[in-house]
N, C-alpha and C. Protein backbone atom coordinates (compact mmCIF):
# COMPACT_ATOMS: atom_id res chain seq x y z
N UNK A 1 98.79 86.40 125.91
CA UNK A 1 99.67 86.81 124.85
C UNK A 1 101.07 87.03 125.41
N UNK A 2 102.04 86.65 124.62
CA UNK A 2 103.43 86.82 125.04
C UNK A 2 103.94 88.20 124.70
N UNK A 3 105.11 88.47 125.23
CA UNK A 3 105.74 89.75 124.95
C UNK A 3 106.36 89.73 123.57
N UNK A 4 106.31 90.86 122.91
CA UNK A 4 106.90 90.98 121.59
C UNK A 4 108.35 91.43 121.73
N UNK A 5 109.25 90.73 121.05
CA UNK A 5 110.65 91.13 121.09
C UNK A 5 110.85 92.26 120.09
N UNK A 6 111.52 93.31 120.53
CA UNK A 6 111.80 94.44 119.67
C UNK A 6 113.30 94.46 119.42
N UNK A 7 113.68 94.35 118.17
CA UNK A 7 115.08 94.38 117.81
C UNK A 7 115.58 95.81 117.81
N UNK A 8 116.76 96.03 118.38
CA UNK A 8 117.34 97.37 118.37
C UNK A 8 118.14 97.61 117.11
N UNK A 9 118.22 96.62 116.26
CA UNK A 9 118.94 96.73 115.01
C UNK A 9 117.97 97.16 113.92
N UNK A 10 118.33 98.20 113.20
CA UNK A 10 117.49 98.71 112.13
C UNK A 10 117.94 98.09 110.82
N UNK A 11 117.09 97.33 110.17
CA UNK A 11 117.46 96.62 108.95
C UNK A 11 116.83 97.25 107.72
N UNK A 12 117.01 98.55 107.56
CA UNK A 12 116.46 99.23 106.40
C UNK A 12 117.11 98.72 105.13
N UNK A 13 118.43 98.58 105.17
CA UNK A 13 119.17 98.02 104.04
C UNK A 13 119.57 96.61 104.45
N UNK A 14 119.22 95.63 103.66
CA UNK A 14 119.47 94.25 104.05
C UNK A 14 120.96 94.03 104.30
N UNK A 15 121.26 93.47 105.45
CA UNK A 15 122.64 93.16 105.81
C UNK A 15 123.41 94.31 106.39
N UNK A 16 122.86 95.52 106.40
CA UNK A 16 123.58 96.68 106.93
C UNK A 16 122.68 97.50 107.85
N UNK A 17 122.97 97.52 109.14
CA UNK A 17 122.16 98.33 110.05
C UNK A 17 122.32 99.82 109.74
N UNK A 18 121.29 100.60 110.00
CA UNK A 18 121.29 102.02 109.68
C UNK A 18 120.96 102.80 110.95
N UNK A 19 121.85 103.71 111.34
CA UNK A 19 121.61 104.51 112.54
C UNK A 19 120.69 105.68 112.19
N UNK A 20 120.15 106.30 113.24
CA UNK A 20 119.29 107.46 113.02
C UNK A 20 120.04 108.59 112.33
N UNK A 21 121.30 108.84 112.72
CA UNK A 21 122.08 109.90 112.09
C UNK A 21 122.32 109.62 110.62
N UNK A 22 122.63 108.37 110.28
CA UNK A 22 122.84 108.00 108.87
C UNK A 22 121.56 108.22 108.08
N UNK A 23 120.43 107.84 108.68
CA UNK A 23 119.14 108.01 108.01
C UNK A 23 118.86 109.49 107.77
N UNK A 24 119.08 110.31 108.78
CA UNK A 24 118.85 111.75 108.63
C UNK A 24 119.75 112.35 107.57
N UNK A 25 120.99 111.91 107.50
CA UNK A 25 121.91 112.40 106.48
C UNK A 25 121.45 112.01 105.08
N UNK A 26 120.92 110.80 104.94
CA UNK A 26 120.42 110.35 103.64
C UNK A 26 119.22 111.21 103.21
N UNK A 27 118.35 111.56 104.16
CA UNK A 27 117.20 112.41 103.87
C UNK A 27 117.67 113.79 103.43
N UNK A 28 118.65 114.35 104.14
CA UNK A 28 119.19 115.68 103.78
C UNK A 28 119.79 115.65 102.38
N UNK A 29 120.51 114.59 102.04
CA UNK A 29 121.09 114.48 100.70
C UNK A 29 120.00 114.41 99.64
N UNK A 30 118.93 113.67 99.92
CA UNK A 30 117.83 113.55 98.96
C UNK A 30 117.12 114.89 98.77
N UNK A 31 117.01 115.68 99.83
CA UNK A 31 116.35 116.98 99.73
C UNK A 31 117.13 117.95 98.85
N UNK A 32 118.42 117.73 98.69
CA UNK A 32 119.25 118.60 97.84
C UNK A 32 119.12 118.24 96.36
N UNK A 33 118.54 117.10 96.08
CA UNK A 33 118.45 116.60 94.71
C UNK A 33 117.53 117.41 93.83
N UNK A 34 117.46 117.04 92.55
CA UNK A 34 116.61 117.77 91.61
C UNK A 34 115.12 117.45 91.83
N UNK A 35 114.30 118.48 91.72
CA UNK A 35 112.86 118.30 91.82
C UNK A 35 112.24 118.85 90.54
N UNK A 36 111.19 118.20 90.05
CA UNK A 36 110.57 118.58 88.80
C UNK A 36 109.10 118.90 89.02
N UNK A 37 108.58 119.79 88.18
CA UNK A 37 107.14 120.08 88.21
C UNK A 37 106.41 118.91 87.57
N UNK A 38 105.09 118.92 87.67
CA UNK A 38 104.30 117.84 87.07
C UNK A 38 104.46 117.83 85.56
N UNK A 39 104.52 119.01 84.92
CA UNK A 39 104.68 119.07 83.47
C UNK A 39 106.04 118.50 83.06
N UNK A 40 107.09 118.88 83.80
CA UNK A 40 108.43 118.36 83.48
C UNK A 40 108.47 116.84 83.67
N UNK A 41 107.85 116.36 84.73
CA UNK A 41 107.83 114.93 84.99
C UNK A 41 107.10 114.19 83.88
N UNK A 42 105.97 114.73 83.43
CA UNK A 42 105.21 114.11 82.35
C UNK A 42 106.05 114.05 81.07
N UNK A 43 106.76 115.13 80.76
CA UNK A 43 107.61 115.15 79.57
C UNK A 43 108.73 114.11 79.68
N UNK A 44 109.33 113.99 80.84
CA UNK A 44 110.40 113.01 81.05
C UNK A 44 109.87 111.59 80.84
N UNK A 45 108.68 111.32 81.37
CA UNK A 45 108.08 109.99 81.24
C UNK A 45 107.74 109.70 79.78
N UNK A 46 107.19 110.69 79.07
CA UNK A 46 106.84 110.50 77.66
C UNK A 46 108.11 110.20 76.86
N UNK A 47 109.19 110.93 77.10
CA UNK A 47 110.46 110.67 76.40
C UNK A 47 110.97 109.27 76.72
N UNK A 48 110.88 108.88 77.99
CA UNK A 48 111.35 107.57 78.40
C UNK A 48 110.54 106.47 77.71
N UNK A 49 109.20 106.65 77.68
CA UNK A 49 108.34 105.66 77.04
C UNK A 49 108.63 105.55 75.55
N UNK A 50 108.83 106.69 74.88
CA UNK A 50 109.09 106.63 73.44
C UNK A 50 110.44 105.98 73.14
N UNK A 51 111.38 106.12 74.05
CA UNK A 51 112.70 105.52 73.86
C UNK A 51 112.65 104.00 74.06
N UNK A 52 111.89 103.55 75.05
CA UNK A 52 111.90 102.13 75.41
C UNK A 52 110.66 101.36 74.96
N UNK A 53 109.70 102.03 74.33
CA UNK A 53 108.49 101.33 73.86
C UNK A 53 108.85 100.42 72.71
N UNK A 54 108.24 99.26 72.68
CA UNK A 54 108.53 98.31 71.61
C UNK A 54 107.29 98.01 70.83
């Protein structure tokens, strides 16, 4: 078996490499976002379905 080449470029976003610090900052930003309980999430989905159901 041959050796596997490991790219040092992170292609999380196509065409744009992402560093570890950028990734950690994105995670921190997401953690600040709104979080909903299961009941709230169910209500949001029901409203969305009733709005877009055909």
